[in-house]
N, C-alpha and C. Protein backbone atom coordinates (compact mmCIF):
# COMPACT_ATOMS: atom_id res chain seq x y z
N MET A 1 134.44 48.32 108.41
CA MET A 1 134.31 48.51 109.86
C MET A 1 135.25 49.60 110.34
N GLU A 2 136.46 49.62 109.78
CA GLU A 2 137.46 50.62 110.18
C GLU A 2 136.99 52.02 109.76
N LYS A 3 136.41 52.11 108.53
CA LYS A 3 135.91 53.41 108.06
C LYS A 3 134.80 53.92 108.97
N PHE A 4 133.94 53.03 109.38
CA PHE A 4 132.85 53.42 110.27
C PHE A 4 133.37 53.95 111.59
N THR A 5 134.41 53.29 112.15
CA THR A 5 134.99 53.72 113.43
C THR A 5 135.62 55.09 113.30
N VAL A 6 136.34 55.36 112.22
CA VAL A 6 136.97 56.68 112.01
C VAL A 6 135.92 57.76 111.87
N LEU A 7 134.85 57.47 111.11
CA LEU A 7 133.77 58.44 110.91
C LEU A 7 133.08 58.78 112.22
N ALA A 8 132.83 57.76 113.03
CA ALA A 8 132.17 57.98 114.32
C ALA A 8 133.04 58.85 115.22
N SER A 9 134.35 58.62 115.15
CA SER A 9 135.27 59.40 115.97
C SER A 9 135.25 60.86 115.57
N LEU A 10 135.21 61.11 114.24
CA LEU A 10 135.17 62.49 113.75
C LEU A 10 133.89 63.20 114.20
N VAL A 11 132.77 62.49 114.10
CA VAL A 11 131.49 63.09 114.54
C VAL A 11 131.54 63.42 116.01
N GLY A 12 132.10 62.52 116.80
CA GLY A 12 132.20 62.76 118.24
C GLY A 12 133.03 63.98 118.54
N VAL A 13 134.16 64.12 117.83
CA VAL A 13 135.03 65.29 118.05
C VAL A 13 134.28 66.57 117.70
N MET A 14 133.52 66.55 116.57
CA MET A 14 132.78 67.75 116.15
C MET A 14 131.73 68.13 117.17
N ILE A 15 130.98 67.15 117.69
CA ILE A 15 129.95 67.42 118.69
C ILE A 15 130.56 68.02 119.94
N PHE A 16 131.67 67.48 120.37
CA PHE A 16 132.34 67.98 121.57
C PHE A 16 132.82 69.41 121.37
N THR A 17 133.36 69.66 120.16
CA THR A 17 133.88 71.00 119.87
C THR A 17 132.76 72.04 119.88
N VAL A 18 131.63 71.71 119.23
CA VAL A 18 130.50 72.64 119.20
C VAL A 18 129.98 72.90 120.60
N TYR A 19 129.83 71.85 121.38
CA TYR A 19 129.33 71.99 122.75
C TYR A 19 130.25 72.86 123.58
N ALA A 20 131.56 72.59 123.46
CA ALA A 20 132.53 73.36 124.22
C ALA A 20 132.51 74.82 123.80
N GLY A 21 132.38 75.06 122.47
CA GLY A 21 132.34 76.44 121.98
C GLY A 21 131.15 77.19 122.51
N ASN A 22 129.99 76.57 122.50
CA ASN A 22 128.78 77.23 123.01
C ASN A 22 128.92 77.56 124.47
N THR A 23 129.50 76.65 125.22
CA THR A 23 129.67 76.88 126.66
C THR A 23 130.59 78.05 126.90
N ASN A 24 131.69 78.13 126.19
CA ASN A 24 132.64 79.22 126.38
C ASN A 24 132.03 80.56 126.00
N ASN A 25 131.27 80.56 124.88
CA ASN A 25 130.64 81.80 124.46
C ASN A 25 129.67 82.30 125.50
N GLY A 26 128.91 81.39 126.08
CA GLY A 26 127.95 81.78 127.11
C GLY A 26 128.65 82.38 128.30
N ILE A 27 129.78 81.78 128.73
CA ILE A 27 130.51 82.28 129.89
C ILE A 27 131.10 83.65 129.59
N ASN A 28 131.71 83.80 128.39
CA ASN A 28 132.32 85.07 128.04
C ASN A 28 131.28 86.19 127.95
N THR A 29 130.11 85.87 127.39
CA THR A 29 129.06 86.89 127.27
C THR A 29 128.63 87.38 128.63
N ASN A 30 128.45 86.46 129.56
CA ASN A 30 128.02 86.85 130.89
C ASN A 30 129.07 87.71 131.59
N LEU A 31 130.36 87.41 131.38
CA LEU A 31 131.42 88.15 132.05
C LEU A 31 131.61 89.53 131.46
N ASN A 32 131.37 89.66 130.12
CA ASN A 32 131.67 90.91 129.45
C ASN A 32 130.49 91.86 129.36
N THR A 33 129.29 91.38 129.69
CA THR A 33 128.11 92.24 129.61
C THR A 33 128.07 93.19 130.79
N ALA A 34 128.13 94.50 130.48
CA ALA A 34 128.09 95.50 131.54
C ALA A 34 126.65 95.77 131.94
N GLU A 35 126.43 96.09 133.18
CA GLU A 35 125.09 96.41 133.65
C GLU A 35 124.70 97.78 133.14
N VAL A 36 123.49 97.91 132.57
CA VAL A 36 123.00 99.17 132.05
C VAL A 36 122.11 99.83 133.11
N ALA A 37 122.47 101.04 133.48
CA ALA A 37 121.70 101.74 134.50
C ALA A 37 120.32 102.11 133.96
N THR A 38 119.30 101.88 134.72
CA THR A 38 117.94 102.22 134.32
C THR A 38 117.72 103.72 134.50
N PRO A 39 117.27 104.42 133.44
CA PRO A 39 117.06 105.86 133.57
C PRO A 39 116.03 106.17 134.66
N ALA A 40 116.26 107.28 135.34
CA ALA A 40 115.32 107.68 136.38
C ALA A 40 113.97 108.00 135.76
N LYS A 41 112.90 107.59 136.42
CA LYS A 41 111.56 107.85 135.91
C LYS A 41 111.23 109.33 136.07
N ALA A 42 110.46 109.85 135.12
CA ALA A 42 110.03 111.24 135.21
C ALA A 42 109.06 111.41 136.38
N ARG A 43 109.23 112.48 137.11
CA ARG A 43 108.34 112.80 138.22
C ARG A 43 107.46 113.97 137.84
N ALA A 44 106.24 113.94 138.31
CA ALA A 44 105.29 115.00 137.99
C ALA A 44 105.46 116.16 138.96
N TYR A 45 105.64 117.33 138.40
CA TYR A 45 105.67 118.57 139.18
C TYR A 45 104.38 119.33 138.86
N LYS A 46 103.60 119.62 139.88
CA LYS A 46 102.33 120.31 139.67
C LYS A 46 102.55 121.82 139.59
N VAL A 47 101.96 122.42 138.58
CA VAL A 47 102.08 123.86 138.39
C VAL A 47 101.29 124.59 139.47
N ASP A 48 101.94 125.55 140.10
CA ASP A 48 101.27 126.41 141.08
C ASP A 48 100.70 127.58 140.30
N VAL A 49 99.41 127.53 140.01
CA VAL A 49 98.79 128.54 139.15
C VAL A 49 98.82 129.92 139.80
N ALA A 50 98.83 129.97 141.14
CA ALA A 50 98.84 131.25 141.83
C ALA A 50 100.21 131.93 141.73
N LYS A 51 101.27 131.13 141.65
CA LYS A 51 102.62 131.68 141.57
C LYS A 51 103.13 131.81 140.15
N SER A 52 102.39 131.27 139.20
CA SER A 52 102.79 131.35 137.79
C SER A 52 102.19 132.59 137.14
N ASP A 53 102.90 133.11 136.15
CA ASP A 53 102.47 134.35 135.51
C ASP A 53 102.47 134.16 133.99
N VAL A 54 101.35 134.52 133.36
CA VAL A 54 101.23 134.44 131.90
C VAL A 54 100.74 135.79 131.39
N LYS A 55 101.55 136.40 130.53
CA LYS A 55 101.20 137.70 129.95
C LYS A 55 101.06 137.58 128.43
N TRP A 56 100.23 138.43 127.85
CA TRP A 56 100.11 138.50 126.39
C TRP A 56 100.44 139.91 125.93
N HIS A 57 100.93 140.01 124.70
CA HIS A 57 101.35 141.29 124.14
C HIS A 57 101.03 141.28 122.65
N ALA A 58 100.12 142.15 122.23
CA ALA A 58 99.71 142.21 120.82
C ALA A 58 99.91 143.63 120.28
N LYS A 59 100.23 143.71 119.00
CA LYS A 59 100.50 145.01 118.38
C LYS A 59 99.57 145.26 117.19
N LYS A 60 99.32 146.51 116.94
CA LYS A 60 98.58 146.95 115.77
C LYS A 60 99.31 148.14 115.17
N VAL A 61 98.87 148.63 114.04
CA VAL A 61 99.57 149.72 113.37
C VAL A 61 99.65 150.95 114.26
N THR A 62 98.59 151.23 114.99
CA THR A 62 98.53 152.46 115.78
C THR A 62 98.93 152.29 117.25
N GLY A 63 99.37 151.11 117.65
CA GLY A 63 99.75 150.94 119.05
C GLY A 63 99.88 149.48 119.45
N GLU A 64 99.65 149.22 120.72
CA GLU A 64 99.79 147.86 121.25
C GLU A 64 98.96 147.72 122.52
N HIS A 65 98.73 146.48 122.91
CA HIS A 65 98.02 146.20 124.16
C HIS A 65 98.70 145.04 124.87
N ILE A 66 98.63 145.07 126.19
CA ILE A 66 99.19 143.98 127.00
C ILE A 66 98.17 143.57 128.05
N GLY A 67 98.34 142.36 128.56
CA GLY A 67 97.42 141.89 129.59
C GLY A 67 97.87 140.55 130.15
N ASN A 68 96.97 139.93 130.87
CA ASN A 68 97.28 138.64 131.52
C ASN A 68 96.23 137.60 131.18
N ILE A 69 96.62 136.36 131.40
CA ILE A 69 95.71 135.23 131.30
C ILE A 69 96.15 134.20 132.33
N SER A 70 95.21 133.53 132.94
CA SER A 70 95.53 132.59 134.02
C SER A 70 95.61 131.15 133.54
N LEU A 71 96.51 130.40 134.16
CA LEU A 71 96.53 128.95 133.97
C LEU A 71 95.45 128.35 134.86
N SER A 72 94.72 127.38 134.33
CA SER A 72 93.75 126.68 135.17
C SER A 72 94.36 125.41 135.77
N SER A 73 95.39 124.86 135.09
CA SER A 73 96.08 123.68 135.61
C SER A 73 97.34 123.44 134.80
N GLY A 74 98.19 122.55 135.32
CA GLY A 74 99.40 122.22 134.58
C GLY A 74 100.27 121.22 135.30
N LEU A 75 101.00 120.43 134.54
CA LEU A 75 101.96 119.48 135.08
C LEU A 75 103.24 119.55 134.25
N LEU A 76 104.38 119.42 134.93
CA LEU A 76 105.66 119.30 134.24
C LEU A 76 106.25 117.94 134.58
N ASP A 77 106.78 117.26 133.58
CA ASP A 77 107.47 115.98 133.81
C ASP A 77 108.95 116.28 133.96
N VAL A 78 109.51 115.94 135.12
CA VAL A 78 110.90 116.26 135.44
C VAL A 78 111.69 114.98 135.66
N GLN A 79 112.81 114.88 134.96
CA GLN A 79 113.69 113.72 135.07
C GLN A 79 115.06 114.23 135.53
N GLY A 80 115.40 113.94 136.78
CA GLY A 80 116.64 114.48 137.33
C GLY A 80 116.53 115.98 137.48
N LYS A 81 117.37 116.71 136.74
CA LYS A 81 117.36 118.17 136.77
C LYS A 81 116.81 118.75 135.48
N LYS A 82 116.10 117.92 134.70
CA LYS A 82 115.62 118.37 133.40
C LYS A 82 114.11 118.21 133.27
N VAL A 83 113.48 119.19 132.65
CA VAL A 83 112.07 119.07 132.28
C VAL A 83 112.02 118.30 130.96
N VAL A 84 111.24 117.23 130.92
CA VAL A 84 111.18 116.38 129.72
C VAL A 84 109.80 116.36 129.07
N GLY A 85 108.82 116.98 129.70
CA GLY A 85 107.47 116.99 129.13
C GLY A 85 106.55 117.83 129.99
N GLY A 86 105.29 117.87 129.60
CA GLY A 86 104.34 118.61 130.41
C GLY A 86 103.10 119.00 129.64
N THR A 87 102.09 119.43 130.37
CA THR A 87 100.84 119.92 129.78
C THR A 87 100.35 121.13 130.56
N PHE A 88 99.68 122.04 129.85
CA PHE A 88 99.14 123.24 130.48
C PHE A 88 97.74 123.51 129.95
N ALA A 89 96.90 124.07 130.80
CA ALA A 89 95.57 124.50 130.39
C ALA A 89 95.39 125.96 130.77
N PHE A 90 94.92 126.77 129.81
CA PHE A 90 94.74 128.20 130.02
C PHE A 90 93.25 128.53 130.09
N ASP A 91 92.88 129.32 131.08
CA ASP A 91 91.50 129.75 131.26
C ASP A 91 91.26 130.99 130.39
N MET A 92 90.63 130.80 129.24
CA MET A 92 90.45 131.91 128.30
C MET A 92 89.49 132.97 128.82
N ASN A 93 88.65 132.60 129.76
CA ASN A 93 87.74 133.58 130.37
C ASN A 93 88.48 134.56 131.28
N SER A 94 89.72 134.24 131.61
CA SER A 94 90.48 135.08 132.55
C SER A 94 91.25 136.20 131.86
N ILE A 95 91.10 136.34 130.55
CA ILE A 95 91.85 137.37 129.82
C ILE A 95 91.58 138.76 130.40
N THR A 96 92.66 139.50 130.62
CA THR A 96 92.53 140.88 131.09
C THR A 96 93.42 141.78 130.23
N CYS A 97 93.17 143.08 130.27
CA CYS A 97 94.01 144.08 129.62
C CYS A 97 94.53 145.01 130.70
N SER A 98 95.83 145.23 130.73
CA SER A 98 96.42 146.03 131.82
C SER A 98 96.87 147.43 131.40
N ASP A 99 96.83 147.74 130.11
CA ASP A 99 97.34 149.05 129.68
C ASP A 99 96.25 150.09 129.53
N ILE A 100 95.00 149.69 129.42
CA ILE A 100 93.91 150.64 129.25
C ILE A 100 93.31 150.96 130.63
N LYS A 101 93.40 152.20 131.02
CA LYS A 101 92.96 152.60 132.37
C LYS A 101 91.47 152.95 132.42
N ASP A 102 90.91 153.38 131.32
CA ASP A 102 89.48 153.68 131.29
C ASP A 102 88.70 152.37 131.39
N ALA A 103 87.89 152.24 132.43
CA ALA A 103 87.21 150.98 132.71
C ALA A 103 86.29 150.54 131.57
N GLU A 104 85.54 151.49 131.02
CA GLU A 104 84.58 151.15 129.96
C GLU A 104 85.32 150.67 128.70
N TYR A 105 86.36 151.40 128.30
CA TYR A 105 87.12 151.02 127.11
C TYR A 105 87.85 149.70 127.34
N ASN A 106 88.32 149.51 128.59
CA ASN A 106 89.01 148.27 128.94
C ASN A 106 88.10 147.06 128.76
N GLN A 107 86.91 147.15 129.29
CA GLN A 107 85.96 146.04 129.20
C GLN A 107 85.49 145.82 127.76
N LYS A 108 85.44 146.89 127.00
CA LYS A 108 85.06 146.77 125.59
C LYS A 108 86.10 145.95 124.83
N LEU A 109 87.39 146.24 125.10
CA LEU A 109 88.46 145.48 124.43
C LEU A 109 88.45 144.02 124.87
N VAL A 110 88.34 143.79 126.18
CA VAL A 110 88.34 142.42 126.69
C VAL A 110 87.16 141.64 126.11
N GLY A 111 86.00 142.27 126.05
CA GLY A 111 84.83 141.62 125.47
C GLY A 111 85.05 141.26 124.00
N HIS A 112 85.73 142.15 123.29
CA HIS A 112 86.01 141.89 121.88
C HIS A 112 86.98 140.72 121.73
N LEU A 113 87.99 140.65 122.60
CA LEU A 113 88.94 139.54 122.56
C LEU A 113 88.24 138.19 122.81
N LYS A 114 87.21 138.20 123.62
CA LYS A 114 86.47 136.97 123.93
C LYS A 114 85.45 136.60 122.86
N SER A 115 85.19 137.53 121.94
CA SER A 115 84.17 137.30 120.91
C SER A 115 84.69 136.40 119.79
N ASP A 116 83.81 136.12 118.84
CA ASP A 116 84.19 135.24 117.71
C ASP A 116 85.20 135.89 116.78
N ASP A 117 85.38 137.21 116.87
CA ASP A 117 86.42 137.86 116.07
C ASP A 117 87.81 137.39 116.48
N PHE A 118 87.92 136.99 117.74
CA PHE A 118 89.22 136.56 118.26
C PHE A 118 89.17 135.14 118.82
N PHE A 119 88.98 134.96 120.12
CA PHE A 119 89.18 133.65 120.74
C PHE A 119 87.91 132.82 120.97
N SER A 120 86.74 133.34 120.63
CA SER A 120 85.49 132.58 120.77
C SER A 120 85.42 131.85 122.11
N VAL A 121 85.57 132.62 123.17
CA VAL A 121 85.73 132.04 124.50
C VAL A 121 84.50 131.26 124.96
N GLU A 122 83.32 131.71 124.59
CA GLU A 122 82.11 130.99 125.01
C GLU A 122 82.11 129.56 124.46
N LYS A 123 82.58 129.40 123.23
CA LYS A 123 82.64 128.08 122.61
C LYS A 123 83.91 127.33 122.98
N ASN A 124 84.97 128.05 123.26
CA ASN A 124 86.28 127.45 123.54
C ASN A 124 86.89 128.07 124.80
N PRO A 125 86.39 127.71 125.97
CA PRO A 125 86.83 128.35 127.21
C PRO A 125 88.24 127.98 127.65
N THR A 126 88.83 126.96 127.02
CA THR A 126 90.16 126.50 127.43
C THR A 126 91.08 126.38 126.23
N ALA A 127 92.31 126.85 126.38
CA ALA A 127 93.38 126.62 125.42
C ALA A 127 94.40 125.72 126.10
N THR A 128 95.11 124.90 125.34
CA THR A 128 96.06 123.96 125.95
C THR A 128 97.40 123.96 125.22
N PHE A 129 98.41 123.51 125.93
CA PHE A 129 99.73 123.31 125.33
C PHE A 129 100.31 122.01 125.88
N LYS A 130 100.74 121.14 124.97
CA LYS A 130 101.33 119.86 125.37
C LYS A 130 102.75 119.78 124.80
N ILE A 131 103.72 119.62 125.68
CA ILE A 131 105.12 119.53 125.25
C ILE A 131 105.37 118.19 124.57
N THR A 132 106.00 118.25 123.40
CA THR A 132 106.33 117.02 122.67
C THR A 132 107.84 116.79 122.57
N SER A 133 108.63 117.83 122.77
CA SER A 133 110.08 117.70 122.66
C SER A 133 110.77 118.77 123.50
N VAL A 134 111.83 118.37 124.18
CA VAL A 134 112.65 119.30 124.97
C VAL A 134 114.11 119.01 124.65
N LYS A 135 114.79 120.00 124.05
CA LYS A 135 116.19 119.80 123.66
C LYS A 135 117.08 120.89 124.25
N PRO A 136 118.20 120.50 124.85
CA PRO A 136 119.11 121.51 125.42
C PRO A 136 119.77 122.34 124.33
N ILE A 137 120.05 123.60 124.63
CA ILE A 137 120.77 124.48 123.72
C ILE A 137 122.24 124.44 124.11
N ALA A 138 123.08 123.94 123.23
CA ALA A 138 124.50 123.79 123.53
C ALA A 138 125.16 125.15 123.76
N GLY A 139 125.97 125.21 124.81
CA GLY A 139 126.74 126.42 125.08
C GLY A 139 125.93 127.60 125.55
N ALA A 140 124.74 127.37 126.08
CA ALA A 140 123.90 128.48 126.54
C ALA A 140 124.56 129.21 127.71
N ALA A 141 124.57 130.53 127.65
CA ALA A 141 125.15 131.33 128.72
C ALA A 141 124.23 131.32 129.93
N ALA A 142 124.81 131.57 131.09
CA ALA A 142 124.02 131.60 132.33
C ALA A 142 122.93 132.65 132.24
N GLY A 143 121.71 132.25 132.55
CA GLY A 143 120.58 133.16 132.52
C GLY A 143 119.93 133.32 131.16
N ALA A 144 120.58 132.79 130.11
CA ALA A 144 120.02 132.87 128.76
C ALA A 144 119.20 131.62 128.48
N PRO A 145 118.35 131.64 127.44
CA PRO A 145 117.60 130.43 127.10
C PRO A 145 118.53 129.23 126.93
N ASN A 146 118.21 128.14 127.62
CA ASN A 146 119.06 126.94 127.60
C ASN A 146 118.36 125.71 127.02
N THR A 147 117.12 125.90 126.56
CA THR A 147 116.31 124.78 126.11
C THR A 147 115.42 125.20 124.95
N THR A 148 115.27 124.31 123.96
CA THR A 148 114.29 124.53 122.90
C THR A 148 113.09 123.62 123.18
N VAL A 149 111.95 124.24 123.36
CA VAL A 149 110.72 123.49 123.67
C VAL A 149 109.82 123.47 122.43
N THR A 150 109.31 122.30 122.12
CA THR A 150 108.37 122.13 121.02
C THR A 150 107.11 121.46 121.56
N GLY A 151 105.98 121.87 121.05
CA GLY A 151 104.75 121.25 121.54
C GLY A 151 103.56 121.58 120.67
N ASP A 152 102.41 121.08 121.08
CA ASP A 152 101.15 121.28 120.36
C ASP A 152 100.30 122.30 121.11
N LEU A 153 100.03 123.41 120.44
CA LEU A 153 99.21 124.47 121.01
C LEU A 153 97.81 124.39 120.42
N THR A 154 96.80 124.38 121.30
CA THR A 154 95.41 124.30 120.84
C THR A 154 94.66 125.56 121.26
N ILE A 155 94.17 126.29 120.27
CA ILE A 155 93.36 127.49 120.49
C ILE A 155 92.14 127.39 119.60
N LYS A 156 90.96 127.65 120.15
CA LYS A 156 89.70 127.56 119.39
C LYS A 156 89.51 126.17 118.80
N GLY A 157 90.01 125.16 119.47
CA GLY A 157 89.87 123.79 119.01
C GLY A 157 90.80 123.42 117.87
N ILE A 158 91.71 124.32 117.50
CA ILE A 158 92.65 124.08 116.41
C ILE A 158 94.03 123.85 117.02
N THR A 159 94.69 122.76 116.62
CA THR A 159 95.99 122.41 117.18
C THR A 159 97.09 122.60 116.14
N LYS A 160 98.14 123.35 116.53
CA LYS A 160 99.28 123.59 115.66
C LYS A 160 100.57 123.45 116.48
N PRO A 161 101.65 123.00 115.83
CA PRO A 161 102.93 122.90 116.54
C PRO A 161 103.58 124.28 116.70
N VAL A 162 104.21 124.50 117.83
CA VAL A 162 105.00 125.70 118.06
C VAL A 162 106.32 125.30 118.71
N SER A 163 107.34 126.11 118.47
CA SER A 163 108.66 125.84 119.04
C SER A 163 109.25 127.16 119.50
N PHE A 164 109.95 127.14 120.63
CA PHE A 164 110.47 128.39 121.17
C PHE A 164 111.62 128.12 122.15
N PRO A 165 112.54 129.09 122.31
CA PRO A 165 113.60 128.95 123.30
C PRO A 165 113.07 129.28 124.69
N ALA A 166 113.57 128.57 125.68
CA ALA A 166 113.12 128.78 127.06
C ALA A 166 114.30 128.70 128.02
N THR A 167 114.16 129.38 129.12
CA THR A 167 115.14 129.27 130.21
C THR A 167 114.51 128.39 131.28
N VAL A 168 115.08 127.22 131.49
CA VAL A 168 114.47 126.23 132.39
C VAL A 168 115.45 125.90 133.52
N THR A 169 114.96 126.00 134.75
CA THR A 169 115.75 125.61 135.92
C THR A 169 114.96 124.64 136.78
N VAL A 170 115.65 123.69 137.37
CA VAL A 170 115.05 122.76 138.32
C VAL A 170 115.98 122.72 139.54
N LYS A 171 115.46 123.15 140.69
CA LYS A 171 116.29 123.23 141.88
C LYS A 171 115.43 123.07 143.13
N ASP A 172 115.92 122.26 144.05
CA ASP A 172 115.26 122.07 145.35
C ASP A 172 113.77 121.73 145.21
N GLY A 173 113.47 120.85 144.27
CA GLY A 173 112.09 120.40 144.11
C GLY A 173 111.17 121.37 143.43
N VAL A 174 111.73 122.43 142.80
CA VAL A 174 110.91 123.42 142.10
C VAL A 174 111.43 123.59 140.67
N ALA A 175 110.53 123.52 139.70
CA ALA A 175 110.87 123.75 138.29
C ALA A 175 110.35 125.12 137.88
N ASN A 176 111.18 125.86 137.14
CA ASN A 176 110.80 127.22 136.75
C ASN A 176 111.17 127.50 135.28
N PRO A 177 110.28 127.17 134.35
CA PRO A 177 110.50 127.52 132.95
C PRO A 177 110.02 128.95 132.67
N LYS A 178 110.83 129.67 131.87
CA LYS A 178 110.45 131.01 131.44
C LYS A 178 110.64 131.10 129.92
N ALA A 179 109.70 131.74 129.23
CA ALA A 179 109.82 131.82 127.78
C ALA A 179 108.90 132.90 127.22
N ASP A 180 109.30 133.42 126.07
CA ASP A 180 108.45 134.29 125.26
C ASP A 180 108.07 133.51 124.01
N VAL A 181 106.79 133.23 123.87
CA VAL A 181 106.30 132.39 122.77
C VAL A 181 105.57 133.25 121.75
N THR A 182 106.08 133.25 120.52
CA THR A 182 105.42 134.01 119.45
C THR A 182 104.39 133.11 118.76
N VAL A 183 103.17 133.62 118.67
CA VAL A 183 102.06 132.85 118.11
C VAL A 183 101.46 133.60 116.92
N ASP A 184 101.32 132.92 115.80
CA ASP A 184 100.64 133.48 114.63
C ASP A 184 99.15 133.18 114.78
N ARG A 185 98.39 134.21 115.10
CA ARG A 185 96.97 134.02 115.39
C ARG A 185 96.18 133.48 114.20
N THR A 186 96.63 133.81 112.98
CA THR A 186 95.86 133.39 111.80
C THR A 186 95.86 131.87 111.62
N LYS A 187 96.85 131.18 112.20
CA LYS A 187 96.88 129.72 112.12
C LYS A 187 95.76 129.08 112.95
N PHE A 188 95.17 129.90 113.83
CA PHE A 188 94.09 129.41 114.69
C PHE A 188 92.75 130.08 114.30
N ASP A 189 92.69 130.46 113.04
CA ASP A 189 91.46 131.05 112.47
C ASP A 189 91.07 132.34 113.17
N ILE A 190 92.07 133.13 113.56
CA ILE A 190 91.82 134.47 114.12
C ILE A 190 92.33 135.46 113.08
N ARG A 191 91.45 135.87 112.17
CA ARG A 191 91.87 136.67 111.01
C ARG A 191 91.44 138.13 111.08
N TYR A 192 90.81 138.53 112.13
CA TYR A 192 90.26 139.89 112.25
C TYR A 192 91.34 140.94 111.98
N ARG A 193 91.08 141.77 110.96
CA ARG A 193 91.96 142.87 110.55
C ARG A 193 93.40 142.42 110.28
N SER A 194 93.55 141.25 109.69
CA SER A 194 94.86 140.76 109.26
C SER A 194 95.10 141.21 107.82
N ILE A 195 96.25 141.80 107.54
CA ILE A 195 96.54 142.28 106.20
C ILE A 195 96.71 141.12 105.22
N ASN A 196 96.90 139.91 105.74
CA ASN A 196 97.03 138.74 104.88
C ASN A 196 95.69 138.21 104.39
N PHE A 197 94.60 138.74 104.94
CA PHE A 197 93.27 138.27 104.55
C PHE A 197 92.33 139.40 104.13
N PHE A 198 92.69 140.64 104.49
CA PHE A 198 91.82 141.77 104.16
C PHE A 198 92.65 142.90 103.54
N GLU A 199 92.07 143.56 102.56
CA GLU A 199 92.77 144.64 101.87
C GLU A 199 92.33 146.00 102.41
N ASN A 200 93.19 146.99 102.16
CA ASN A 200 92.88 148.39 102.46
C ASN A 200 92.52 148.65 103.92
N LEU A 201 93.24 147.98 104.80
CA LEU A 201 92.98 148.18 106.23
C LEU A 201 93.63 149.46 106.76
N GLY A 202 94.69 149.88 106.12
CA GLY A 202 95.38 151.10 106.57
C GLY A 202 95.82 150.99 108.02
N ASP A 203 95.51 152.02 108.80
CA ASP A 203 95.93 152.03 110.21
C ASP A 203 95.01 151.20 111.10
N LYS A 204 94.07 150.49 110.49
CA LYS A 204 93.18 149.60 111.26
C LYS A 204 93.76 148.19 111.38
N ALA A 205 94.87 147.93 110.71
CA ALA A 205 95.43 146.58 110.69
C ALA A 205 96.00 146.17 112.05
N ILE A 206 95.86 144.88 112.33
CA ILE A 206 96.41 144.29 113.57
C ILE A 206 97.44 143.24 113.17
N HIS A 207 98.60 143.26 113.81
CA HIS A 207 99.65 142.29 113.47
C HIS A 207 99.18 140.86 113.71
N ASP A 208 99.64 139.96 112.86
CA ASP A 208 99.25 138.56 112.99
C ASP A 208 99.90 137.90 114.22
N ASP A 209 101.13 138.25 114.50
CA ASP A 209 101.85 137.64 115.63
C ASP A 209 101.53 138.34 116.94
N PHE A 210 101.33 137.56 117.98
CA PHE A 210 101.29 138.10 119.34
C PHE A 210 102.20 137.23 120.22
N VAL A 211 102.61 137.76 121.34
CA VAL A 211 103.58 137.07 122.20
C VAL A 211 102.94 136.70 123.53
N VAL A 212 103.17 135.47 123.94
CA VAL A 212 102.74 135.00 125.26
C VAL A 212 104.01 134.77 126.09
N SER A 213 104.12 135.51 127.19
CA SER A 213 105.28 135.38 128.07
C SER A 213 104.93 134.50 129.26
N LEU A 214 105.71 133.43 129.43
CA LEU A 214 105.44 132.45 130.48
C LEU A 214 106.48 132.53 131.58
N ASP A 215 106.04 132.50 132.81
CA ASP A 215 106.92 132.38 133.98
C ASP A 215 106.23 131.37 134.91
N ILE A 216 106.62 130.11 134.76
CA ILE A 216 105.91 129.01 135.40
C ILE A 216 106.65 128.52 136.64
N THR A 217 105.89 128.27 137.70
CA THR A 217 106.43 127.67 138.91
C THR A 217 105.70 126.36 139.18
N ALA A 218 106.47 125.28 139.30
CA ALA A 218 105.88 123.96 139.56
C ALA A 218 106.72 123.23 140.61
N SER A 219 106.07 122.45 141.44
CA SER A 219 106.79 121.73 142.50
C SER A 219 106.40 120.25 142.49
N GLN A 220 107.19 119.44 143.17
CA GLN A 220 106.99 118.00 143.19
C GLN A 220 105.58 117.65 143.64
N SER A 221 105.00 116.63 142.97
CA SER A 221 103.64 116.22 143.26
C SER A 221 103.58 114.71 143.33
N THR A 222 102.53 114.20 143.95
CA THR A 222 102.35 112.76 144.04
C THR A 222 101.57 112.20 142.86
N VAL A 223 101.08 113.10 141.96
CA VAL A 223 100.31 112.62 140.82
C VAL A 223 101.25 112.02 139.77
N THR A 224 100.67 111.22 138.87
CA THR A 224 101.46 110.53 137.85
C THR A 224 101.89 111.51 136.76
N ALA A 225 103.11 111.33 136.26
CA ALA A 225 103.62 112.17 135.20
C ALA A 225 102.76 112.06 133.97
N SER A 226 102.64 113.15 133.20
CA SER A 226 101.80 113.15 132.00
C SER A 226 102.44 112.29 130.92
N LYS A 227 101.64 111.81 129.96
CA LYS A 227 102.13 110.99 128.87
C LYS A 227 101.86 111.66 127.55
């Protein structure tokens, strides 16, 4: 009987100790847990296609050509003072050439750019770019590229990743990314007069890389941020 009484007492002490320990742990956890601030939600900034400027620049052995292309739509996802995402659509039918002054030769070049030798515009009237990553460039000087942008570029229905430095500012409800994007046309099945696919081109060769210069203006919108 005495052994039973001692054993019962020990069990009671253990139960009390465990209960008390759990209670104290719960109280301490509640007191020591700091509140975590919820990150601000990304807001959609709608691209003003009329105020945005997109230029192209291509080179060949015997010279170069420059021109413009219009955005048909676009959204930037802005979180605080940073651009964190976005999507753009380019109207491939809007391609122009600005360096050739002869009207007939100008239209001949533009028509060729729209043909299957290049962008197959009739079959693929829209090109797109979707941002997948935005990373700040540490120690960027004022006015210099301060962000590395990575995304998926789709031309002629072919999607490839591209990455480039950009100068991005967000101020007074307006976002303004600027960048020069180098594109290897052969990755999008544009092989016309490429020395990597054709031999003995001589001075007829066209460089594989061309540059798209972006100067985008976007402002706060009520539409939902892109995903």
